[in-house]
Amino acid sequence: MQARADTRLIKLLVSGVLAVLSLTQTALCLADNSNGKTLYLQRCAVCHGSDIKGTGPLAKKSNPPTPDLTTAAFKKRLHEYPGVIVSSVILRPNGNLIPKTLQDNGVKIAPHAWSVKDFRDLHQYMSEVISNK
């Protein structure tokens, strides 16, 4: 019963954040790109690399290896499902993304209290980097 409640809560959180992200293009344009870049470099680059191509120090240590998010397939997925970046963070709300890979390699990333602004900024930063590749 608790698992169902947790699943419903996660779905509700994902829906809410995606609704906020999709309110207007203007809201995304106002996102603070330096915040998005900082969040990405501190929390994601260890696996995805600073270039978002799956070239981080732990990229090949994860199973399966960390994917290149600049591929045509991922760009298509991002276009069809704009919340794909944010939902991957929401599904691990404590910020401990891919915990087994991080733990197996002694990497500790402090939990982060994500705000809607953080989600918006991270999404904008990653989307811009991915679309420019």
Protein backbone atom coordinates (compact mmCIF):
# COMPACT_ATOMS: atom_id res chain seq x y z
CA MET A 1 0.00 0.00 0.00
CA GLN A 2 2.85 2.39 0.86
CA ALA A 3 4.56 1.63 -2.48
CA ARG A 4 1.39 2.66 -4.35
CA ALA A 5 1.21 5.89 -2.38
CA ASP A 6 4.88 6.60 -3.13
CA THR A 7 4.35 5.88 -6.83
CA ARG A 8 1.34 8.21 -6.91
CA LEU A 9 3.33 10.92 -5.15
CA ILE A 10 6.20 10.63 -7.65
CA LYS A 11 3.76 10.80 -10.57
CA LEU A 12 2.11 13.84 -9.02
CA LEU A 13 5.49 15.56 -8.54
CA VAL A 14 6.55 14.81 -12.13
CA SER A 15 3.22 16.10 -13.47
CA GLY A 16 3.45 19.27 -11.39
CA VAL A 17 6.99 20.11 -12.40
CA LEU A 18 6.31 19.35 -16.07
CA ALA A 19 3.24 21.60 -15.92
CA VAL A 20 5.36 24.43 -14.52
CA LEU A 21 8.03 23.87 -17.16
CA SER A 22 5.50 23.95 -19.96
CA LEU A 23 3.64 27.09 -18.82
CA THR A 24 5.34 29.35 -21.31
CA GLN A 25 8.47 29.57 -23.41
CA THR A 26 9.11 32.92 -21.74
CA ALA A 27 9.52 31.27 -18.35
CA LEU A 28 12.19 28.99 -19.77
CA CYS A 29 13.97 31.93 -21.39
CA LEU A 30 14.19 33.62 -18.01
CA ALA A 31 15.91 30.64 -16.41
CA ASP A 32 19.30 31.39 -14.89
CA ASN A 33 21.68 29.53 -17.15
CA SER A 34 24.61 29.86 -14.72
CA ASN A 35 22.55 28.07 -12.04
CA GLY A 36 21.71 25.31 -14.53
CA LYS A 37 25.34 24.95 -15.52
CA THR A 38 26.48 24.86 -11.88
CA LEU A 39 23.88 22.22 -10.99
CA TYR A 40 24.87 20.15 -14.01
CA LEU A 41 28.61 20.34 -13.33
CA GLN A 42 28.17 19.54 -9.63
CA ARG A 43 25.57 16.77 -9.95
CA CYS A 44 25.63 15.28 -13.46
CA ALA A 45 29.02 15.74 -15.10
CA VAL A 46 30.68 13.01 -13.01
CA CYS A 47 28.95 10.53 -15.32
CA HIS A 48 27.67 12.55 -18.29
CA GLY A 49 30.81 14.67 -18.70
CA SER A 50 31.03 18.42 -19.10
CA ASP A 51 30.12 17.96 -22.78
CA ILE A 52 26.99 15.84 -21.97
CA LYS A 53 28.39 13.11 -24.23
CA GLY A 54 28.79 10.46 -21.53
CA THR A 55 32.48 11.22 -21.05
CA GLY A 56 32.60 11.80 -17.29
CA PRO A 57 35.04 9.93 -15.06
CA LEU A 58 32.37 7.37 -14.11
CA ALA A 59 30.77 7.04 -17.56
CA LYS A 60 32.26 3.67 -18.40
CA LYS A 61 31.99 2.40 -14.82
CA SER A 62 28.19 2.47 -14.84
CA ASN A 63 26.26 -0.48 -16.16
CA PRO A 64 25.12 0.18 -18.80
CA PRO A 65 27.66 2.89 -19.66
CA THR A 66 26.42 6.46 -19.43
CA PRO A 67 24.81 7.47 -22.74
CA ASP A 68 25.77 10.36 -25.01
CA LEU A 69 22.85 12.77 -24.64
CA THR A 70 23.80 14.72 -27.76
CA THR A 71 22.79 11.93 -30.17
CA ALA A 72 19.98 12.38 -32.66
CA ALA A 73 17.94 9.75 -30.79
CA PHE A 74 18.13 11.64 -27.50
CA LYS A 75 17.47 15.00 -29.19
CA LYS A 76 14.32 13.45 -30.66
CA ARG A 77 13.32 12.12 -27.24
CA LEU A 78 13.94 15.53 -25.64
CA HIS A 79 11.79 17.18 -28.33
CA GLU A 80 8.97 14.65 -27.92
CA TYR A 81 9.18 14.56 -24.13
CA PRO A 82 10.61 17.88 -22.86
CA GLY A 83 10.46 16.68 -19.26
CA VAL A 84 12.86 13.78 -19.76
CA ILE A 85 15.77 15.62 -18.11
CA VAL A 86 13.76 16.86 -15.16
CA SER A 87 11.95 13.57 -14.60
CA SER A 88 15.29 11.76 -14.28
CA VAL A 89 16.12 14.08 -11.37
CA ILE A 90 12.67 13.86 -9.79
CA LEU A 91 12.79 10.09 -9.78
CA ARG A 92 15.80 10.43 -7.47
CA PRO A 93 14.66 13.45 -5.41
CA ASN A 94 17.56 13.12 -2.97
CA GLY A 95 19.87 13.99 -5.85
CA ASN A 96 21.76 10.69 -5.54
CA LEU A 97 21.54 9.82 -9.23
CA ILE A 98 22.60 6.29 -10.11
CA PRO A 99 23.48 5.50 -6.50
CA LYS A 100 25.14 2.13 -7.15
CA THR A 101 27.69 3.54 -9.59
CA LEU A 102 28.46 6.44 -7.29
CA GLN A 103 28.65 4.28 -4.18
CA ASP A 104 30.76 1.58 -5.87
CA ASN A 105 33.27 4.25 -6.81
CA GLY A 106 33.28 6.11 -3.50
CA VAL A 107 31.68 9.24 -4.96
CA LYS A 108 29.47 11.21 -2.62
CA ILE A 109 27.19 13.92 -3.90
CA ALA A 110 25.37 15.77 -1.15
CA PRO A 111 21.56 15.72 -1.31
CA HIS A 112 20.04 18.82 -2.86
CA ALA A 113 16.70 20.48 -2.07
CA TRP A 114 15.51 20.97 -5.65
CA SER A 115 13.36 23.99 -6.44
CA VAL A 116 11.21 24.55 -9.52
CA LYS A 117 13.77 27.18 -10.55
CA ASP A 118 16.56 24.59 -10.29
CA PHE A 119 14.63 22.17 -12.50
CA ARG A 120 13.92 24.91 -15.02
CA ASP A 121 17.54 26.08 -15.05
CA LEU A 122 18.99 22.57 -15.39
CA HIS A 123 16.55 21.76 -18.18
CA GLN A 124 17.40 24.95 -20.05
CA TYR A 125 21.15 24.51 -19.68
CA MET A 126 21.17 20.89 -20.79
CA SER A 127 18.73 21.52 -23.65
CA GLU A 128 20.90 24.34 -24.97
CA VAL A 129 24.09 22.28 -24.81
CA ILE A 130 22.38 19.27 -26.41
CA SER A 131 20.80 21.32 -29.22
CA ASN A 132 24.12 23.01 -30.01
CA LYS A 133 25.95 19.70 -30.51
